[in-house]
Amino acid sequence: NNKAEIKKCRKTRSSPLIIACQKGHTEEGHTEVGQILINNKSDIN
């Protein structure tokens, strides 16, 4: 909501969406986080 750069990656090019997908169900909230990122035009591929 405050304009964080949604496509900003780690040096390995891991994006916020990739890390949310990697963590998955190991902790609560990751599926919802993934959907929020996609809704805000994170590059799904």
All heavy atoms as atom14 arrays in JSON, in Angstrom:
{
  "sequence": "NNKAEIKKCRKTRSSPLIIACQKGHTEEGHTEVGQILINNKSDIN",
  "atom14_mask": [
    [1, 1, 1, 1, 1, 1, 1, 1, 0, 0, 0, 0, 0, 0],
    [1, 1, 1, 1, 1, 1, 1, 1, 0, 0, 0, 0, 0, 0],
    [1, 1, 1, 1, 1, 1, 1, 1, 1, 0, 0, 0, 0, 0],
    [1, 1, 1, 1, 1, 0, 0, 0, 0, 0, 0, 0, 0, 0],
    [1, 1, 1, 1, 1, 1, 1, 1, 1, 0, 0, 0, 0, 0],
    [1, 1, 1, 1, 1, 1, 1, 1, 0, 0, 0, 0, 0, 0],
    [1, 1, 1, 1, 1, 1, 1, 1, 1, 0, 0, 0, 0, 0],
    [1, 1, 1, 1, 1, 1, 1, 1, 1, 0, 0, 0, 0, 0],
    [1, 1, 1, 1, 1, 1, 0, 0, 0, 0, 0, 0, 0, 0],
    [1, 1, 1, 1, 1, 1, 1, 1, 1, 1, 1, 0, 0, 0],
    [1, 1, 1, 1, 1, 1, 1, 1, 1, 0, 0, 0, 0, 0],
    [1, 1, 1, 1, 1, 1, 1, 0, 0, 0, 0, 0, 0, 0],
    [1, 1, 1, 1, 1, 1, 1, 1, 1, 1, 1, 0, 0, 0],
    [1, 1, 1, 1, 1, 1, 0, 0, 0, 0, 0, 0, 0, 0],
    [1, 1, 1, 1, 1, 1, 0, 0, 0, 0, 0, 0, 0, 0],
    [1, 1, 1, 1, 1, 1, 1, 0, 0, 0, 0, 0, 0, 0],
    [1, 1, 1, 1, 1, 1, 1, 1, 0, 0, 0, 0, 0, 0],
    [1, 1, 1, 1, 1, 1, 1, 1, 0, 0, 0, 0, 0, 0],
    [1, 1, 1, 1, 1, 1, 1, 1, 0, 0, 0, 0, 0, 0],
    [1, 1, 1, 1, 1, 0, 0, 0, 0, 0, 0, 0, 0, 0],
    [1, 1, 1, 1, 1, 1, 0, 0, 0, 0, 0, 0, 0, 0],
    [1, 1, 1, 1, 1, 1, 1, 1, 1, 0, 0, 0, 0, 0],
    [1, 1, 1, 1, 1, 1, 1, 1, 1, 0, 0, 0, 0, 0],
    [1, 1, 1, 1, 0, 0, 0, 0, 0, 0, 0, 0, 0, 0],
    [1, 1, 1, 1, 1, 1, 1, 1, 1, 1, 0, 0, 0, 0],
    [1, 1, 1, 1, 1, 1, 1, 0, 0, 0, 0, 0, 0, 0],
    [1, 1, 1, 1, 1, 1, 1, 1, 1, 0, 0, 0, 0, 0],
    [1, 1, 1, 1, 1, 1, 1, 1, 1, 0, 0, 0, 0, 0],
    [1, 1, 1, 1, 0, 0, 0, 0, 0, 0, 0, 0, 0, 0],
    [1, 1, 1, 1, 1, 1, 1, 1, 1, 1, 0, 0, 0, 0],
    [1, 1, 1, 1, 1, 1, 1, 0, 0, 0, 0, 0, 0, 0],
    [1, 1, 1, 1, 1, 1, 1, 1, 1, 0, 0, 0, 0, 0],
    [1, 1, 1, 1, 1, 1, 1, 0, 0, 0, 0, 0, 0, 0],
    [1, 1, 1, 1, 0, 0, 0, 0, 0, 0, 0, 0, 0, 0],
    [1, 1, 1, 1, 1, 1, 1, 1, 1, 0, 0, 0, 0, 0],
    [1, 1, 1, 1, 1, 1, 1, 1, 0, 0, 0, 0, 0, 0],
    [1, 1, 1, 1, 1, 1, 1, 1, 0, 0, 0, 0, 0, 0],
    [1, 1, 1, 1, 1, 1, 1, 1, 0, 0, 0, 0, 0, 0],
    [1, 1, 1, 1, 1, 1, 1, 1, 0, 0, 0, 0, 0, 0],
    [1, 1, 1, 1, 1, 1, 1, 1, 0, 0, 0, 0, 0, 0],
    [1, 1, 1, 1, 1, 1, 1, 1, 1, 0, 0, 0, 0, 0],
    [1, 1, 1, 1, 1, 1, 0, 0, 0, 0, 0, 0, 0, 0],
    [1, 1, 1, 1, 1, 1, 1, 1, 0, 0, 0, 0, 0, 0],
    [1, 1, 1, 1, 1, 1, 1, 1, 0, 0, 0, 0, 0, 0],
    [1, 1, 1, 1, 1, 1, 1, 1, 0, 0, 0, 0, 0, 0]
  ],
  "atom14_positions": [
    [[0.83, -1.22, 0.0], [0.0, 0.0, 0.0], [0.85, 1.26, 0.0], [0.42, 2.31, -0.46], [-0.93, 0.02, 1.21], [-2.03, -1.03, 1.13], [-2.27, -1.6, 0.08], [-2.68, -1.3, 2.25], [0.0, 0.0, 0.0], [0.0, 0.0, 0.0], [0.0, 0.0, 0.0], [0.0, 0.0, 0.0], [0.0, 0.0, 0.0], [0.0, 0.0, 0.0]],
    [[2.07, 1.13, 0.52], [2.98, 2.28, 0.58], [4.08, 2.21, -0.48], [5.16, 2.77, -0.32], [3.58, 2.38, 1.98], [2.59, 2.92, 2.99], [2.43, 4.13, 3.13], [1.9, 2.01, 3.69], [0.0, 0.0, 0.0], [0.0, 0.0, 0.0], [0.0, 0.0, 0.0], [0.0, 0.0, 0.0], [0.0, 0.0, 0.0], [0.0, 0.0, 0.0]],
    [[3.76, 1.47, -1.58], [4.59, 1.47, -2.79], [5.93, 0.78, -2.63], [6.94, 1.22, -3.2], [4.76, 2.91, -3.32], [3.43, 3.57, -3.66], [3.6, 4.96, -4.23], [2.23, 5.58, -4.54], [2.34, 6.96, -5.06], [0.0, 0.0, 0.0], [0.0, 0.0, 0.0], [0.0, 0.0, 0.0], [0.0, 0.0, 0.0], [0.0, 0.0, 0.0]],
    [[5.95, -0.29, -1.86], [7.15, -1.12, -1.84], [7.35, -1.71, -3.23], [6.38, -2.02, -3.93], [7.01, -2.24, -0.81], [0.0, 0.0, 0.0], [0.0, 0.0, 0.0], [0.0, 0.0, 0.0], [0.0, 0.0, 0.0], [0.0, 0.0, 0.0], [0.0, 0.0, 0.0], [0.0, 0.0, 0.0], [0.0, 0.0, 0.0], [0.0, 0.0, 0.0]],
    [[8.6, -1.87, -3.61], [8.91, -2.4, -4.95], [8.66, -3.91, -4.95], [9.43, -4.68, -4.4], [10.37, -2.09, -5.31], [10.68, -2.33, -6.77], [12.08, -1.9, -7.15], [12.63, -0.98, -6.5], [12.64, -2.52, -8.08], [0.0, 0.0, 0.0], [0.0, 0.0, 0.0], [0.0, 0.0, 0.0], [0.0, 0.0, 0.0], [0.0, 0.0, 0.0]],
    [[7.58, -4.32, -5.61], [7.1, -5.7, -5.52], [7.96, -6.68, -6.3], [7.98, -7.88, -6.02], [5.62, -5.76, -5.98], [4.91, -6.97, -5.37], [5.52, -5.74, -7.49], [3.41, -6.89, -5.45], [0.0, 0.0, 0.0], [0.0, 0.0, 0.0], [0.0, 0.0, 0.0], [0.0, 0.0, 0.0], [0.0, 0.0, 0.0], [0.0, 0.0, 0.0]],
    [[8.73, -6.18, -7.26], [9.57, -7.06, -8.09], [11.03, -7.06, -7.65], [11.89, -7.67, -8.28], [9.46, -6.64, -9.55], [8.05, -6.82, -10.12], [7.96, -6.37, -11.56], [6.53, -6.51, -12.09], [6.41, -6.03, -13.48], [0.0, 0.0, 0.0], [0.0, 0.0, 0.0], [0.0, 0.0, 0.0], [0.0, 0.0, 0.0], [0.0, 0.0, 0.0]],
    [[11.3, -6.39, -6.54], [12.69, -6.29, -6.07], [13.15, -7.66, -5.54], [12.51, -8.24, -4.69], [12.8, -5.25, -4.96], [14.23, -4.77, -4.71], [14.22, -3.58, -3.76], [15.6, -2.98, -3.61], [16.05, -2.27, -4.81], [0.0, 0.0, 0.0], [0.0, 0.0, 0.0], [0.0, 0.0, 0.0], [0.0, 0.0, 0.0], [0.0, 0.0, 0.0]],
    [[14.27, -8.14, -6.06], [14.74, -9.5, -5.76], [16.02, -9.51, -4.93], [16.73, -8.51, -4.86], [15.02, -10.25, -7.07], [13.58, -10.47, -8.12], [0.0, 0.0, 0.0], [0.0, 0.0, 0.0], [0.0, 0.0, 0.0], [0.0, 0.0, 0.0], [0.0, 0.0, 0.0], [0.0, 0.0, 0.0], [0.0, 0.0, 0.0], [0.0, 0.0, 0.0]],
    [[16.27, -10.68, -4.34], [17.57, -10.92, -3.72], [18.62, -11.06, -4.81], [18.32, -11.09, -5.99], [17.54, -12.21, -2.89], [16.75, -12.1, -1.62], [16.95, -13.32, -0.78], [18.23, -13.31, -0.11], [18.79, -14.34, 0.5], [18.17, -15.51, 0.52], [19.95, -14.24, 1.1], [0.0, 0.0, 0.0], [0.0, 0.0, 0.0], [0.0, 0.0, 0.0]],
    [[19.89, -11.18, -4.4], [20.97, -11.31, -5.38], [20.84, -12.59, -6.21], [21.38, -12.69, -7.3], [22.32, -11.26, -4.68], [22.64, -9.87, -4.14], [23.98, -9.79, -3.46], [24.26, -8.38, -2.96], [25.55, -8.28, -2.24], [0.0, 0.0, 0.0], [0.0, 0.0, 0.0], [0.0, 0.0, 0.0], [0.0, 0.0, 0.0], [0.0, 0.0, 0.0]],
    [[20.12, -13.58, -5.68], [19.88, -14.83, -6.41], [18.7, -14.69, -7.37], [18.33, -15.66, -8.02], [19.56, -15.97, -5.44], [18.42, -15.6, -4.66], [20.74, -16.26, -4.53], [0.0, 0.0, 0.0], [0.0, 0.0, 0.0], [0.0, 0.0, 0.0], [0.0, 0.0, 0.0], [0.0, 0.0, 0.0], [0.0, 0.0, 0.0], [0.0, 0.0, 0.0]],
    [[18.11, -13.51, -7.43], [16.92, -13.2, -8.22], [15.67, -13.85, -7.65], [14.65, -13.98, -8.34], [17.11, -13.59, -9.7], [18.01, -12.64, -10.47], [18.15, -13.04, -11.91], [16.87, -13.04, -12.61], [16.64, -13.72, -13.73], [17.57, -14.47, -14.26], [15.47, -13.65, -14.31], [0.0, 0.0, 0.0], [0.0, 0.0, 0.0], [0.0, 0.0, 0.0]],
    [[15.72, -14.25, -6.38], [14.51, -14.73, -5.72], [13.6, -13.54, -5.43], [13.99, -12.63, -4.71], [14.86, -15.44, -4.4], [15.48, -16.67, -4.65], [0.0, 0.0, 0.0], [0.0, 0.0, 0.0], [0.0, 0.0, 0.0], [0.0, 0.0, 0.0], [0.0, 0.0, 0.0], [0.0, 0.0, 0.0], [0.0, 0.0, 0.0], [0.0, 0.0, 0.0]],
    [[12.4, -13.57, -5.98], [11.45, -12.49, -5.78], [10.62, -12.74, -4.52], [10.61, -13.85, -3.99], [10.51, -12.4, -6.99], [9.71, -13.58, -7.06], [0.0, 0.0, 0.0], [0.0, 0.0, 0.0], [0.0, 0.0, 0.0], [0.0, 0.0, 0.0], [0.0, 0.0, 0.0], [0.0, 0.0, 0.0], [0.0, 0.0, 0.0], [0.0, 0.0, 0.0]],
    [[9.91, -11.72, -4.02], [8.99, -11.95, -2.9], [7.98, -13.07, -3.19], [7.67, -13.87, -2.31], [8.29, -10.59, -2.75], [9.32, -9.6, -3.2], [10.01, -10.28, -4.35], [0.0, 0.0, 0.0], [0.0, 0.0, 0.0], [0.0, 0.0, 0.0], [0.0, 0.0, 0.0], [0.0, 0.0, 0.0], [0.0, 0.0, 0.0], [0.0, 0.0, 0.0]],
    [[7.51, -13.16, -4.45], [6.55, -14.22, -4.79], [7.2, -15.6, -4.71], [6.61, -16.55, -4.2], [5.97, -13.99, -6.18], [4.95, -15.03, -6.66], [3.77, -15.14, -5.69], [4.46, -14.72, -8.07], [0.0, 0.0, 0.0], [0.0, 0.0, 0.0], [0.0, 0.0, 0.0], [0.0, 0.0, 0.0], [0.0, 0.0, 0.0], [0.0, 0.0, 0.0]],
    [[8.42, -15.72, -5.19], [9.12, -17.01, -5.15], [9.3, -17.47, -3.71], [9.07, -18.64, -3.39], [10.48, -16.93, -5.88], [10.25, -17.07, -7.39], [11.43, -18.03, -5.4], [11.51, -17.02, -8.23], [0.0, 0.0, 0.0], [0.0, 0.0, 0.0], [0.0, 0.0, 0.0], [0.0, 0.0, 0.0], [0.0, 0.0, 0.0], [0.0, 0.0, 0.0]],
    [[9.68, -16.57, -2.81], [9.91, -16.99, -1.43], [8.6, -17.35, -0.74], [8.55, -18.28, 0.07], [10.7, -15.93, -0.61], [11.34, -16.58, 0.62], [9.85, -14.74, -0.22], [12.32, -17.68, 0.33], [0.0, 0.0, 0.0], [0.0, 0.0, 0.0], [0.0, 0.0, 0.0], [0.0, 0.0, 0.0], [0.0, 0.0, 0.0], [0.0, 0.0, 0.0]],
    [[7.5, -16.67, -1.08], [6.19, -17.03, -0.52], [5.78, -18.42, -0.99], [5.24, -19.22, -0.22], [5.14, -16.0, -0.93], [0.0, 0.0, 0.0], [0.0, 0.0, 0.0], [0.0, 0.0, 0.0], [0.0, 0.0, 0.0], [0.0, 0.0, 0.0], [0.0, 0.0, 0.0], [0.0, 0.0, 0.0], [0.0, 0.0, 0.0], [0.0, 0.0, 0.0]],
    [[6.05, -18.74, -2.25], [5.73, -20.06, -2.81], [6.63, -21.14, -2.21], [6.2, -22.27, -1.98], [5.87, -20.05, -4.33], [4.65, -19.01, -5.16], [0.0, 0.0, 0.0], [0.0, 0.0, 0.0], [0.0, 0.0, 0.0], [0.0, 0.0, 0.0], [0.0, 0.0, 0.0], [0.0, 0.0, 0.0], [0.0, 0.0, 0.0], [0.0, 0.0, 0.0]],
    [[7.88, -20.79, -1.96], [8.82, -21.76, -1.39], [8.44, -22.13, 0.04], [8.51, -23.29, 0.43], [10.23, -21.17, -1.41], [11.3, -22.12, -0.88], [12.69, -21.53, -1.01], [13.0, -20.82, -1.97], [13.54, -21.8, -0.04], [0.0, 0.0, 0.0], [0.0, 0.0, 0.0], [0.0, 0.0, 0.0], [0.0, 0.0, 0.0], [0.0, 0.0, 0.0]],
    [[7.99, -21.14, 0.81], [7.64, -21.41, 2.21], [6.3, -22.14, 2.31], [6.11, -22.96, 3.21], [7.56, -20.09, 3.01], [8.89, -19.37, 3.14], [9.92, -20.16, 3.91], [9.65, -20.16, 5.39], [10.7, -20.86, 6.14], [0.0, 0.0, 0.0], [0.0, 0.0, 0.0], [0.0, 0.0, 0.0], [0.0, 0.0, 0.0], [0.0, 0.0, 0.0]],
    [[5.38, -21.83, 1.39], [4.11, -22.55, 1.31], [3.41, -22.73, 2.63], [3.12, -21.76, 3.32], [0.0, 0.0, 0.0], [0.0, 0.0, 0.0], [0.0, 0.0, 0.0], [0.0, 0.0, 0.0], [0.0, 0.0, 0.0], [0.0, 0.0, 0.0], [0.0, 0.0, 0.0], [0.0, 0.0, 0.0], [0.0, 0.0, 0.0], [0.0, 0.0, 0.0]],
    [[3.13, -24.0, 3.01], [2.36, -24.25, 4.21], [3.23, -24.5, 5.44], [2.75, -24.93, 6.47], [1.42, -25.45, 4.0], [2.13, -26.71, 3.6], [1.87, -27.35, 2.43], [3.1, -27.44, 4.22], [2.63, -28.43, 2.33], [3.38, -28.5, 3.4], [0.0, 0.0, 0.0], [0.0, 0.0, 0.0], [0.0, 0.0, 0.0], [0.0, 0.0, 0.0]],
    [[4.54, -24.24, 5.34], [5.39, -24.48, 6.51], [5.09, -23.5, 7.62], [5.35, -23.75, 8.78], [6.89, -24.38, 6.14], [7.15, -23.11, 5.54], [7.26, -25.48, 5.15], [0.0, 0.0, 0.0], [0.0, 0.0, 0.0], [0.0, 0.0, 0.0], [0.0, 0.0, 0.0], [0.0, 0.0, 0.0], [0.0, 0.0, 0.0], [0.0, 0.0, 0.0]],
    [[4.58, -22.33, 7.26], [4.15, -21.34, 8.24], [2.84, -20.74, 7.72], [2.59, -20.72, 6.52], [5.2, -20.24, 8.42], [6.5, -20.74, 9.04], [7.55, -19.63, 9.11], [7.19, -18.48, 9.34], [8.73, -19.95, 8.92], [0.0, 0.0, 0.0], [0.0, 0.0, 0.0], [0.0, 0.0, 0.0], [0.0, 0.0, 0.0], [0.0, 0.0, 0.0]],
    [[2.02, -20.23, 8.6], [0.73, -19.68, 8.19], [0.91, -18.42, 7.35], [1.85, -17.67, 7.53], [-0.11, -19.35, 9.43], [-0.53, -20.58, 10.22], [-1.39, -20.23, 11.42], [-1.67, -19.03, 11.6], [-1.75, -21.15, 12.17], [0.0, 0.0, 0.0], [0.0, 0.0, 0.0], [0.0, 0.0, 0.0], [0.0, 0.0, 0.0], [0.0, 0.0, 0.0]],
    [[-0.01, -18.21, 6.43], [-0.09, -16.93, 5.73], [0.53, -16.89, 4.35], [0.29, -15.95, 3.61], [0.0, 0.0, 0.0], [0.0, 0.0, 0.0], [0.0, 0.0, 0.0], [0.0, 0.0, 0.0], [0.0, 0.0, 0.0], [0.0, 0.0, 0.0], [0.0, 0.0, 0.0], [0.0, 0.0, 0.0], [0.0, 0.0, 0.0], [0.0, 0.0, 0.0]],
    [[1.3, -17.92, 3.94], [2.05, -17.79, 2.7], [1.18, -17.85, 1.45], [1.48, -17.18, 0.46], [3.17, -18.83, 2.66], [4.26, -18.53, 3.64], [4.25, -19.03, 4.92], [5.37, -17.76, 3.54], [5.31, -18.59, 5.56], [6.0, -17.82, 4.76], [0.0, 0.0, 0.0], [0.0, 0.0, 0.0], [0.0, 0.0, 0.0], [0.0, 0.0, 0.0]],
    [[0.13, -18.67, 1.46], [-0.76, -18.72, 0.3], [-1.45, -17.38, 0.12], [-1.55, -16.86, -0.99], [-1.82, -19.83, 0.47], [-1.15, -21.06, 0.75], [-2.65, -19.98, -0.78], [0.0, 0.0, 0.0], [0.0, 0.0, 0.0], [0.0, 0.0, 0.0], [0.0, 0.0, 0.0], [0.0, 0.0, 0.0], [0.0, 0.0, 0.0], [0.0, 0.0, 0.0]],
    [[-1.89, -16.8, 1.22], [-2.54, -15.47, 1.17], [-1.55, -14.4, 0.72], [-1.9, -13.53, -0.08], [-3.09, -15.12, 2.56], [-3.98, -13.89, 2.57], [-4.59, -13.61, 3.93], [-4.5, -14.48, 4.83], [-5.15, -12.53, 4.09], [0.0, 0.0, 0.0], [0.0, 0.0, 0.0], [0.0, 0.0, 0.0], [0.0, 0.0, 0.0], [0.0, 0.0, 0.0]],
    [[-0.32, -14.5, 1.19], [0.72, -13.55, 0.77], [0.94, -13.66, -0.74], [1.03, -12.64, -1.45], [2.05, -13.82, 1.52], [3.21, -13.1, 0.85], [1.93, -13.38, 2.97], [0.0, 0.0, 0.0], [0.0, 0.0, 0.0], [0.0, 0.0, 0.0], [0.0, 0.0, 0.0], [0.0, 0.0, 0.0], [0.0, 0.0, 0.0], [0.0, 0.0, 0.0]],
    [[1.01, -14.89, -1.24], [1.19, -15.1, -2.67], [0.08, -14.46, -3.48], [0.34, -13.81, -4.51], [0.0, 0.0, 0.0], [0.0, 0.0, 0.0], [0.0, 0.0, 0.0], [0.0, 0.0, 0.0], [0.0, 0.0, 0.0], [0.0, 0.0, 0.0], [0.0, 0.0, 0.0], [0.0, 0.0, 0.0], [0.0, 0.0, 0.0], [0.0, 0.0, 0.0]],
    [[-1.16, -14.61, -3.03], [-2.29, -14.03, -3.75], [-2.25, -12.51, -3.72], [-2.56, -11.85, -4.72], [-3.61, -14.52, -3.16], [-4.83, -14.18, -4.01], [-4.77, -14.79, -5.4], [-4.76, -16.0, -5.55], [-4.71, -13.95, -6.43], [0.0, 0.0, 0.0], [0.0, 0.0, 0.0], [0.0, 0.0, 0.0], [0.0, 0.0, 0.0], [0.0, 0.0, 0.0]],
    [[-1.85, -11.94, -2.58], [-1.71, -10.48, -2.49], [-0.69, -9.98, -3.51], [-0.92, -8.99, -4.21], [-1.28, -10.05, -1.06], [-2.41, -10.27, -0.06], [-0.85, -8.58, -1.03], [-1.98, -10.14, 1.39], [0.0, 0.0, 0.0], [0.0, 0.0, 0.0], [0.0, 0.0, 0.0], [0.0, 0.0, 0.0], [0.0, 0.0, 0.0], [0.0, 0.0, 0.0]],
    [[0.43, -10.66, -3.61], [1.48, -10.25, -4.55], [1.0, -10.35, -5.99], [1.23, -9.45, -6.81], [2.72, -11.14, -4.35], [3.45, -10.96, -3.02], [4.45, -12.09, -2.8], [4.17, -9.61, -2.96], [0.0, 0.0, 0.0], [0.0, 0.0, 0.0], [0.0, 0.0, 0.0], [0.0, 0.0, 0.0], [0.0, 0.0, 0.0], [0.0, 0.0, 0.0]],
    [[0.3, -11.44, -6.32], [-0.23, -11.62, -7.67], [-1.27, -10.54, -7.99], [-1.28, -9.97, -9.08], [-0.84, -13.03, -7.83], [0.27, -14.09, -7.8], [-1.63, -13.14, -9.13], [-0.22, -15.5, -7.64], [0.0, 0.0, 0.0], [0.0, 0.0, 0.0], [0.0, 0.0, 0.0], [0.0, 0.0, 0.0], [0.0, 0.0, 0.0], [0.0, 0.0, 0.0]],
    [[-2.14, -10.24, -7.02], [-3.16, -9.2, -7.2], [-2.53, -7.84, -7.48], [-3.16, -6.98, -8.09], [-4.06, -9.11, -5.98], [-4.96, -10.32, -5.81], [-5.1, -11.13, -6.72], [-5.54, -10.48, -4.63], [0.0, 0.0, 0.0], [0.0, 0.0, 0.0], [0.0, 0.0, 0.0], [0.0, 0.0, 0.0], [0.0, 0.0, 0.0], [0.0, 0.0, 0.0]],
    [[-1.31, -7.67, -7.01], [-0.6, -6.39, -7.19], [0.46, -6.47, -8.29], [1.45, -5.75, -8.27], [0.01, -5.95, -5.86], [-1.03, -5.4, -4.91], [-1.38, -4.23, -4.96], [-1.56, -6.28, -4.04], [0.0, 0.0, 0.0], [0.0, 0.0, 0.0], [0.0, 0.0, 0.0], [0.0, 0.0, 0.0], [0.0, 0.0, 0.0], [0.0, 0.0, 0.0]],
    [[0.23, -7.39, -9.23], [1.01, -7.46, -10.48], [2.43, -7.95, -10.3], [3.34, -7.55, -11.04], [0.97, -6.11, -11.21], [-0.45, -5.67, -11.56], [-0.49, -4.37, -12.33], [-1.92, -3.97, -12.65], [-1.99, -2.68, -13.37], [0.0, 0.0, 0.0], [0.0, 0.0, 0.0], [0.0, 0.0, 0.0], [0.0, 0.0, 0.0], [0.0, 0.0, 0.0]],
    [[2.64, -8.83, -9.33], [3.93, -9.52, -9.27], [4.04, -10.43, -10.48], [3.05, -11.02, -10.91], [4.02, -10.33, -7.98], [5.26, -10.98, -7.89], [0.0, 0.0, 0.0], [0.0, 0.0, 0.0], [0.0, 0.0, 0.0], [0.0, 0.0, 0.0], [0.0, 0.0, 0.0], [0.0, 0.0, 0.0], [0.0, 0.0, 0.0], [0.0, 0.0, 0.0]],
    [[5.24, -10.55, -11.04], [5.46, -11.38, -12.22], [5.36, -12.85, -11.81], [6.25, -13.39, -11.16], [6.83, -11.07, -12.83], [7.07, -11.78, -14.15], [6.33, -12.75, -14.46], [8.0, -11.4, -14.88], [0.0, 0.0, 0.0], [0.0, 0.0, 0.0], [0.0, 0.0, 0.0], [0.0, 0.0, 0.0], [0.0, 0.0, 0.0], [0.0, 0.0, 0.0]],
    [[4.29, -13.52, -12.22], [4.01, -14.88, -11.78], [4.98, -15.91, -12.37], [5.11, -17.02, -11.84], [2.54, -15.25, -12.11], [2.05, -16.4, -11.22], [2.38, -15.55, -13.58], [0.55, -16.61, -11.27], [0.0, 0.0, 0.0], [0.0, 0.0, 0.0], [0.0, 0.0, 0.0], [0.0, 0.0, 0.0], [0.0, 0.0, 0.0], [0.0, 0.0, 0.0]],
    [[5.68, -15.54, -13.43], [6.61, -16.47, -14.06], [8.08, -16.07, -13.91], [8.96, -16.68, -14.52], [6.26, -16.61, -15.56], [4.91, -17.26, -15.77], [4.61, -18.29, -15.19], [4.06, -16.63, -16.58], [0.0, 0.0, 0.0], [0.0, 0.0, 0.0], [0.0, 0.0, 0.0], [0.0, 0.0, 0.0], [0.0, 0.0, 0.0], [0.0, 0.0, 0.0]]
  ]
}
